[in-house]
Amino acid sequence: MIESRELMLNLQLDRETESHLAEILAAEQTNSEELVKRLIYEHWLIVQSHPLKTRPAIVERRGEDSEEAKTIVERLGGHPEYLLQDAHQELSSRSTRKRLVAEYIVQKHDKIQSKNELKS
């Protein structure tokens, strides 16, 4: 027989979080108890489906204007223009980047091979 235990939760929510909760409850047409149960179950599924080291981080959503919402490049002031001046026009394409990296590796390998042949 499985022992059933009940846990009473008492949360103090700020006004914004309380407002979000009210909107969710109205949209989902549920009560806070069922919502909390569902959220816990969904999070438990995530934890069970990912090994500890590959588990996705659960990040609190922040406002669009906050520093945390910006990408690293945006926080650092954008892409340095001097790096973009001589850049290939199609670097946004993954296939182009892949091809250019492969060409660079082949050139580097050939250069090393030619140095080794000169030493021999």
Foldseek 3Di string as FASTA:
>chain_A
DDDDDDDDDDDDDDPVVVVVVVVVCVVVVHDPVVVVVVVVVVVVVQPVVDDPVPRDDDDDDDDCPDPVNDDPCVNVPHDDVVVVPPDDPVVVDPVVVVVVVVVVVVVVVVVVVVVVVVVD
